[in-house]
């Protein structure tokens, strides 16, 4: 699955990052499967994972978890 980060939106409270939304889209090599959306992160989850490669791994893990559990886990 090829994942692209399309936007990173940060919410600030009192000048500090409070939460982050990592927007993405992706598809398989044949482009027969498409996914898009955003993954909400806490400031703590985002810190240290700002690099696109780290965010892509987080997106992969979260999307896989949602697919495997039918979208029920929070």
C-alpha atoms as a PDB file:
ATOM      1  CA  UNK A   1       0.000   0.000   0.000  1.00  0.00           C
ATOM      2  CA  UNK A   2       1.404   3.368  -1.050  1.00  0.00           C
ATOM      3  CA  UNK A   3       0.559   6.010   1.560  1.00  0.00           C
ATOM      4  CA  UNK A   4       0.995   9.764   1.105  1.00  0.00           C
ATOM      5  CA  UNK A   5       0.643  12.324   3.864  1.00  0.00           C
ATOM      6  CA  UNK A   6      -1.406  15.148   2.347  1.00  0.00           C
ATOM      7  CA  UNK A   7      -1.741  17.505   5.307  1.00  0.00           C
ATOM      8  CA  UNK A   8      -0.843  17.809   8.974  1.00  0.00           C
ATOM      9  CA  UNK A   9      -3.221  20.026  10.974  1.00  0.00           C
ATOM     10  CA  UNK A  10      -2.243  21.094  14.460  1.00  0.00           C
ATOM     11  CA  UNK A  11      -4.532  22.438  17.158  1.00  0.00           C
ATOM     12  CA  UNK A  12      -2.870  24.758  19.659  1.00  0.00           C
ATOM     13  CA  UNK A  13      -3.897  25.594  23.207  1.00  0.00           C
ATOM     14  CA  UNK A  14      -1.988  28.328  25.022  1.00  0.00           C
ATOM     15  CA  UNK A  15       0.715  28.290  22.364  1.00  0.00           C
ATOM     16  CA  UNK A  16       1.373  24.552  22.678  1.00  0.00           C
ATOM     17  CA  UNK A  17       0.340  21.738  20.346  1.00  0.00           C
ATOM     18  CA  UNK A  18      -2.762  20.070  21.803  1.00  0.00           C
ATOM     19  CA  UNK A  19      -3.685  17.616  19.043  1.00  0.00           C
ATOM     20  CA  UNK A  20      -2.784  16.779  15.458  1.00  0.00           C
ATOM     21  CA  UNK A  21      -4.713  15.403  12.493  1.00  0.00           C
ATOM     22  CA  UNK A  22      -2.590  13.544   9.938  1.00  0.00           C
ATOM     23  CA  UNK A  23      -4.490  13.514   6.630  1.00  0.00           C
ATOM     24  CA  UNK A  24      -3.523  10.864   4.097  1.00  0.00           C
ATOM     25  CA  UNK A  25      -4.459   8.983   0.978  1.00  0.00           C
ATOM     26  CA  UNK A  26      -3.215   5.691  -0.320  1.00  0.00           C
ATOM     27  CA  UNK A  27      -3.675   2.967  -2.878  1.00  0.00           C
ATOM     28  CA  UNK A  28      -2.227  -0.377  -3.815  1.00  0.00           C
ATOM     29  CA  UNK A  29       0.090  -0.706  -6.824  1.00  0.00           C
ATOM     30  CA  UNK A  30      -2.794  -1.697  -9.116  1.00  0.00           C
ATOM     31  CA  UNK A  31      -4.920   1.187  -7.797  1.00  0.00           C
ATOM     32  CA  UNK A  32      -7.804  -1.196  -7.182  1.00  0.00           C
ATOM     33  CA  UNK A  33      -7.921  -0.279  -3.483  1.00  0.00           C
ATOM     34  CA  UNK A  34      -8.034   3.341  -2.300  1.00  0.00           C
ATOM     35  CA  UNK A  35      -8.068   4.704   1.241  1.00  0.00           C
ATOM     36  CA  UNK A  36      -8.102   8.234   2.602  1.00  0.00           C
ATOM     37  CA  UNK A  37      -8.888  10.062   5.784  1.00  0.00           C
ATOM     38  CA  UNK A  38      -7.085  11.354   8.817  1.00  0.00           C
ATOM     39  CA  UNK A  39      -5.565   9.883  11.943  1.00  0.00           C
ATOM     40  CA  UNK A  40      -5.968  11.933  15.136  1.00  0.00           C
ATOM     41  CA  UNK A  41      -2.871  12.095  17.321  1.00  0.00           C
ATOM     42  CA  UNK A  42      -2.217  13.560  20.730  1.00  0.00           C
ATOM     43  CA  UNK A  43       0.634  16.020  21.086  1.00  0.00           C
ATOM     44  CA  UNK A  44       2.599  13.273  22.826  1.00  0.00           C
ATOM     45  CA  UNK A  45       2.068  10.836  19.940  1.00  0.00           C
ATOM     46  CA  UNK A  46       3.157  13.478  17.433  1.00  0.00           C
ATOM     47  CA  UNK A  47       6.312  14.608  19.242  1.00  0.00           C
ATOM     48  CA  UNK A  48       9.266  12.642  17.936  1.00  0.00           C
ATOM     49  CA  UNK A  49       7.220  11.379  14.974  1.00  0.00           C
ATOM     50  CA  UNK A  50       7.134  14.583  12.915  1.00  0.00           C
ATOM     51  CA  UNK A  51       9.071  13.109   9.971  1.00  0.00           C
ATOM     52  CA  UNK A  52       6.904  11.990   7.039  1.00  0.00           C
ATOM     53  CA  UNK A  53       8.321   8.456   7.220  1.00  0.00           C
ATOM     54  CA  UNK A  54       7.293   8.169  10.889  1.00  0.00           C
ATOM     55  CA  UNK A  55       3.820   9.552  10.180  1.00  0.00           C
ATOM     56  CA  UNK A  56       3.371   7.097   7.304  1.00  0.00           C
ATOM     57  CA  UNK A  57       4.147   4.200   9.658  1.00  0.00           C
ATOM     58  CA  UNK A  58       1.622   5.493  12.187  1.00  0.00           C
ATOM     59  CA  UNK A  59      -1.001   5.786   9.437  1.00  0.00           C
ATOM     60  CA  UNK A  60      -0.238   2.239   8.216  1.00  0.00           C
ATOM     61  CA  UNK A  61      -0.605   0.821  11.720  1.00  0.00           C
ATOM     62  CA  UNK A  62      -3.813   2.707  12.484  1.00  0.00           C
ATOM     63  CA  UNK A  63      -5.458   1.851   9.151  1.00  0.00           C
ATOM     64  CA  UNK A  64      -4.520  -1.828   9.506  1.00  0.00           C
ATOM     65  CA  UNK A  65      -5.938  -1.879  13.038  1.00  0.00           C
ATOM     66  CA  UNK A  66      -9.194  -0.281  11.894  1.00  0.00           C
ATOM     67  CA  UNK A  67      -9.546  -2.753   9.027  1.00  0.00           C
ATOM     68  CA  UNK A  68      -8.835  -5.779  11.207  1.00  0.00           C
ATOM     69  CA  UNK A  69     -11.216  -4.825  14.039  1.00  0.00           C
ATOM     70  CA  UNK A  70     -13.977  -3.511  11.814  1.00  0.00           C
ATOM     71  CA  UNK A  71     -13.370   0.097  12.878  1.00  0.00           C
ATOM     72  CA  UNK A  72     -14.514  -0.444  16.472  1.00  0.00           C
ATOM     73  CA  UNK A  73     -11.275   0.262  18.398  1.00  0.00           C
ATOM     74  CA  UNK A  74     -10.658   3.752  19.678  1.00  0.00           C
END
